[in-house]
Amino acid sequence: MSESDDISARLTALETVVSQLITHLAVRSDDPAGWVETRKVLALTAVNAREVAGVARLRDAVSGFFHQAESVAEDYSYPSGRGTPRPFAR
């Protein structure tokens, strides 16, 4: 395995673990969709603050990274005043 393949595999593993962690934390919050949106905005703000080439690609990557967490969070979110409270959410 070349060095770039090794780095790619490690990044894929890291992305998978972080994505699962974000999803887990989101569904345990009082507002899963809002929680994920806040983390996404913070990540995009950090990307925009960097002065590097390819910022557009980084923004696309960050948005894509949060796609799974956003989907799961929506499934766990209830409109205000509706749904059953989740006592395990804290």
N, C-alpha and C. Protein backbone atom coordinates (compact mmCIF):
# COMPACT_ATOMS: atom_id res chain seq x y z
N MET A 1 0.85 -1.17 0.00
CA MET A 1 0.00 0.00 0.00
C MET A 1 0.90 1.24 0.00
N SER A 2 0.60 2.14 -0.90
CA SER A 2 1.40 3.37 -0.97
C SER A 2 1.04 4.30 0.19
N GLU A 3 1.89 5.30 0.39
CA GLU A 3 1.65 6.23 1.48
C GLU A 3 0.34 6.99 1.29
N SER A 4 0.03 7.38 0.06
CA SER A 4 -1.22 8.11 -0.17
C SER A 4 -2.43 7.21 0.05
N ASP A 5 -2.32 5.92 -0.29
CA ASP A 5 -3.42 4.98 -0.02
C ASP A 5 -3.62 4.81 1.48
N ASP A 6 -2.51 4.75 2.21
CA ASP A 6 -2.58 4.61 3.66
C ASP A 6 -3.24 5.83 4.29
N ILE A 7 -2.86 7.02 3.85
CA ILE A 7 -3.46 8.26 4.36
C ILE A 7 -4.95 8.31 4.01
N SER A 8 -5.28 7.92 2.81
CA SER A 8 -6.68 7.91 2.38
C SER A 8 -7.51 6.95 3.25
N ALA A 9 -6.98 5.77 3.52
CA ALA A 9 -7.69 4.80 4.35
C ALA A 9 -7.88 5.33 5.77
N ARG A 10 -6.84 5.97 6.30
CA ARG A 10 -6.94 6.52 7.65
C ARG A 10 -7.97 7.65 7.70
N LEU A 11 -7.99 8.50 6.69
CA LEU A 11 -8.96 9.59 6.64
C LEU A 11 -10.39 9.05 6.53
N THR A 12 -10.57 8.00 5.74
CA THR A 12 -11.88 7.38 5.61
C THR A 12 -12.34 6.82 6.96
N ALA A 13 -11.43 6.15 7.66
CA ALA A 13 -11.77 5.61 8.98
C ALA A 13 -12.11 6.73 9.95
N LEU A 14 -11.32 7.79 9.94
CA LEU A 14 -11.56 8.92 10.83
C LEU A 14 -12.91 9.57 10.52
N GLU A 15 -13.19 9.77 9.25
CA GLU A 15 -14.46 10.37 8.85
C GLU A 15 -15.63 9.51 9.31
N THR A 16 -15.51 8.20 9.18
CA THR A 16 -16.57 7.29 9.60
C THR A 16 -16.82 7.38 11.11
N VAL A 17 -15.75 7.36 11.88
CA VAL A 17 -15.88 7.42 13.34
C VAL A 17 -16.49 8.76 13.77
N VAL A 18 -15.99 9.86 13.23
CA VAL A 18 -16.50 11.18 13.60
C VAL A 18 -17.96 11.33 13.17
N SER A 19 -18.31 10.83 12.00
CA SER A 19 -19.69 10.90 11.54
C SER A 19 -20.62 10.14 12.48
N GLN A 20 -20.20 8.95 12.89
CA GLN A 20 -21.02 8.18 13.83
C GLN A 20 -21.15 8.89 15.17
N LEU A 21 -20.08 9.49 15.65
CA LEU A 21 -20.10 10.22 16.91
C LEU A 21 -21.04 11.42 16.82
N ILE A 22 -20.95 12.17 15.75
CA ILE A 22 -21.83 13.33 15.56
C ILE A 22 -23.28 12.89 15.52
N THR A 23 -23.57 11.82 14.79
CA THR A 23 -24.93 11.31 14.70
C THR A 23 -25.43 10.88 16.08
N HIS A 24 -24.60 10.17 16.82
CA HIS A 24 -24.97 9.71 18.16
C HIS A 24 -25.27 10.89 19.08
N LEU A 25 -24.41 11.89 19.07
CA LEU A 25 -24.62 13.06 19.93
C LEU A 25 -25.86 13.85 19.50
N ALA A 26 -26.10 13.93 18.20
CA ALA A 26 -27.25 14.68 17.71
C ALA A 26 -28.56 14.06 18.19
N VAL A 27 -28.70 12.76 18.07
CA VAL A 27 -29.98 12.14 18.43
C VAL A 27 -30.21 12.15 19.94
N ARG A 28 -29.19 12.43 20.72
CA ARG A 28 -29.35 12.50 22.17
C ARG A 28 -29.62 13.94 22.64
N SER A 29 -29.65 14.88 21.73
CA SER A 29 -29.90 16.27 22.11
C SER A 29 -31.40 16.56 22.08
N ASP A 30 -31.79 17.71 22.62
CA ASP A 30 -33.20 18.11 22.62
C ASP A 30 -33.67 18.51 21.23
N ASP A 31 -32.76 18.98 20.41
CA ASP A 31 -33.09 19.44 19.05
C ASP A 31 -32.04 18.86 18.09
N PRO A 32 -32.20 17.60 17.68
CA PRO A 32 -31.17 16.97 16.85
C PRO A 32 -30.82 17.73 15.58
N ALA A 33 -31.84 18.18 14.85
CA ALA A 33 -31.56 18.89 13.60
C ALA A 33 -30.82 20.20 13.85
N GLY A 34 -31.21 20.92 14.88
CA GLY A 34 -30.53 22.17 15.23
C GLY A 34 -29.10 21.93 15.69
N TRP A 35 -28.90 20.84 16.42
CA TRP A 35 -27.56 20.50 16.91
C TRP A 35 -26.63 20.24 15.74
N VAL A 36 -27.09 19.46 14.77
CA VAL A 36 -26.27 19.16 13.59
C VAL A 36 -26.02 20.42 12.78
N GLU A 37 -27.06 21.24 12.61
CA GLU A 37 -26.90 22.48 11.83
C GLU A 37 -25.86 23.40 12.47
N THR A 38 -25.88 23.49 13.79
CA THR A 38 -24.89 24.32 14.49
C THR A 38 -23.48 23.82 14.24
N ARG A 39 -23.26 22.50 14.33
CA ARG A 39 -21.93 21.94 14.10
C ARG A 39 -21.49 22.16 12.66
N LYS A 40 -22.43 22.06 11.73
CA LYS A 40 -22.10 22.28 10.32
C LYS A 40 -21.69 23.73 10.09
N VAL A 41 -22.44 24.66 10.67
CA VAL A 41 -22.11 26.08 10.52
C VAL A 41 -20.74 26.37 11.13
N LEU A 42 -20.46 25.80 12.30
CA LEU A 42 -19.15 26.00 12.92
C LEU A 42 -18.03 25.46 12.03
N ALA A 43 -18.24 24.29 11.45
CA ALA A 43 -17.22 23.71 10.58
C ALA A 43 -17.02 24.55 9.32
N LEU A 44 -18.11 25.01 8.73
CA LEU A 44 -18.00 25.84 7.53
C LEU A 44 -17.34 27.18 7.84
N THR A 45 -17.62 27.73 9.01
CA THR A 45 -16.98 28.98 9.42
C THR A 45 -15.47 28.79 9.56
N ALA A 46 -15.08 27.66 10.14
CA ALA A 46 -13.65 27.37 10.28
C ALA A 46 -12.98 27.20 8.92
N VAL A 47 -13.67 26.56 7.98
CA VAL A 47 -13.13 26.38 6.62
C VAL A 47 -13.00 27.73 5.94
N ASN A 48 -14.01 28.56 6.05
CA ASN A 48 -13.99 29.87 5.39
C ASN A 48 -12.91 30.78 5.96
N ALA A 49 -12.54 30.57 7.21
CA ALA A 49 -11.51 31.40 7.84
C ALA A 49 -10.11 31.07 7.32
N ARG A 50 -9.96 29.90 6.73
CA ARG A 50 -8.65 29.51 6.21
C ARG A 50 -8.43 30.14 4.83
N GLU A 51 -7.25 30.56 4.60
CA GLU A 51 -6.92 31.13 3.30
C GLU A 51 -6.09 30.12 2.53
N VAL A 52 -6.78 29.12 2.01
CA VAL A 52 -6.12 28.06 1.25
C VAL A 52 -6.80 27.92 -0.11
N ALA A 53 -6.06 27.37 -1.03
CA ALA A 53 -6.64 27.09 -2.35
C ALA A 53 -7.65 25.96 -2.21
N GLY A 54 -8.69 26.01 -2.98
CA GLY A 54 -9.67 24.94 -2.97
C GLY A 54 -10.68 25.02 -1.83
N VAL A 55 -10.96 26.24 -1.36
CA VAL A 55 -11.92 26.40 -0.27
C VAL A 55 -13.30 25.89 -0.69
N ALA A 56 -13.66 26.07 -1.92
CA ALA A 56 -14.96 25.59 -2.40
C ALA A 56 -15.05 24.07 -2.27
N ARG A 57 -13.97 23.38 -2.60
CA ARG A 57 -13.95 21.91 -2.45
C ARG A 57 -14.07 21.52 -1.00
N LEU A 58 -13.41 22.26 -0.11
CA LEU A 58 -13.51 21.98 1.33
C LEU A 58 -14.94 22.19 1.83
N ARG A 59 -15.58 23.28 1.38
CA ARG A 59 -16.97 23.52 1.79
C ARG A 59 -17.87 22.40 1.32
N ASP A 60 -17.69 21.94 0.09
CA ASP A 60 -18.49 20.82 -0.43
C ASP A 60 -18.24 19.56 0.38
N ALA A 61 -17.00 19.32 0.76
CA ALA A 61 -16.66 18.14 1.55
C ALA A 61 -17.31 18.21 2.93
N VAL A 62 -17.28 19.38 3.56
CA VAL A 62 -17.90 19.54 4.88
C VAL A 62 -19.41 19.33 4.76
N SER A 63 -20.02 19.91 3.76
CA SER A 63 -21.47 19.73 3.57
C SER A 63 -21.82 18.27 3.34
N GLY A 64 -21.04 17.60 2.53
CA GLY A 64 -21.27 16.18 2.28
C GLY A 64 -21.08 15.34 3.53
N PHE A 65 -20.10 15.72 4.34
CA PHE A 65 -19.83 14.99 5.58
C PHE A 65 -21.03 15.01 6.51
N PHE A 66 -21.73 16.13 6.57
CA PHE A 66 -22.85 16.27 7.48
C PHE A 66 -24.16 15.71 6.92
N HIS A 67 -24.16 15.26 5.68
CA HIS A 67 -25.40 14.79 5.05
C HIS A 67 -26.05 13.65 5.84
N GLN A 68 -25.29 12.63 6.22
CA GLN A 68 -25.86 11.49 6.95
C GLN A 68 -26.41 11.94 8.31
N ALA A 69 -25.65 12.75 9.02
CA ALA A 69 -26.10 13.22 10.33
C ALA A 69 -27.37 14.05 10.21
N GLU A 70 -27.47 14.86 9.15
CA GLU A 70 -28.68 15.67 8.94
C GLU A 70 -29.89 14.78 8.69
N SER A 71 -29.72 13.72 7.92
CA SER A 71 -30.82 12.79 7.62
C SER A 71 -31.31 12.11 8.89
N VAL A 72 -30.38 11.63 9.69
CA VAL A 72 -30.76 10.94 10.93
C VAL A 72 -31.39 11.92 11.90
N ALA A 73 -30.82 13.11 12.03
CA ALA A 73 -31.34 14.10 12.96
C ALA A 73 -32.77 14.50 12.60
N GLU A 74 -33.06 14.61 11.32
CA GLU A 74 -34.43 14.94 10.90
C GLU A 74 -35.39 13.86 11.34
N ASP A 75 -34.98 12.60 11.24
CA ASP A 75 -35.84 11.49 11.65
C ASP A 75 -36.13 11.53 13.15
N TYR A 76 -35.21 12.09 13.93
CA TYR A 76 -35.37 12.14 15.38
C TYR A 76 -35.95 13.46 15.87
N SER A 77 -36.16 14.40 14.98
CA SER A 77 -36.68 15.71 15.38
C SER A 77 -38.19 15.72 15.31
N TYR A 78 -38.78 16.43 16.23
CA TYR A 78 -40.22 16.61 16.25
C TYR A 78 -40.50 18.09 16.08
N PRO A 79 -41.55 18.42 15.32
CA PRO A 79 -41.94 19.83 15.26
C PRO A 79 -42.28 20.32 16.67
N SER A 80 -42.12 21.59 16.92
CA SER A 80 -42.38 22.16 18.25
C SER A 80 -43.77 21.78 18.74
N GLY A 81 -43.81 21.28 19.96
CA GLY A 81 -45.09 20.95 20.56
C GLY A 81 -45.67 19.62 20.14
N ARG A 82 -44.99 18.88 19.28
CA ARG A 82 -45.51 17.60 18.81
C ARG A 82 -44.57 16.49 19.19
N GLY A 83 -45.08 15.29 19.19
CA GLY A 83 -44.25 14.13 19.44
C GLY A 83 -44.12 13.81 20.91
N THR A 84 -43.45 12.74 21.14
CA THR A 84 -43.25 12.26 22.50
C THR A 84 -41.88 12.71 22.99
N PRO A 85 -41.81 13.29 24.17
CA PRO A 85 -40.50 13.68 24.69
C PRO A 85 -39.60 12.45 24.86
N ARG A 86 -38.33 12.62 24.60
CA ARG A 86 -37.39 11.52 24.74
C ARG A 86 -36.65 11.72 26.07
N PRO A 87 -36.97 10.95 27.10
CA PRO A 87 -36.35 11.18 28.40
C PRO A 87 -34.85 10.94 28.42
N PHE A 88 -34.32 10.19 27.47
CA PHE A 88 -32.88 9.91 27.46
C PHE A 88 -32.07 11.04 26.84
N ALA A 89 -32.72 12.10 26.41
CA ALA A 89 -32.04 13.17 25.69
C ALA A 89 -31.35 14.14 26.63
N ARG A 90 -30.34 13.78 27.27
CA ARG A 90 -29.46 14.66 28.06
C ARG A 90 -28.53 13.85 28.82
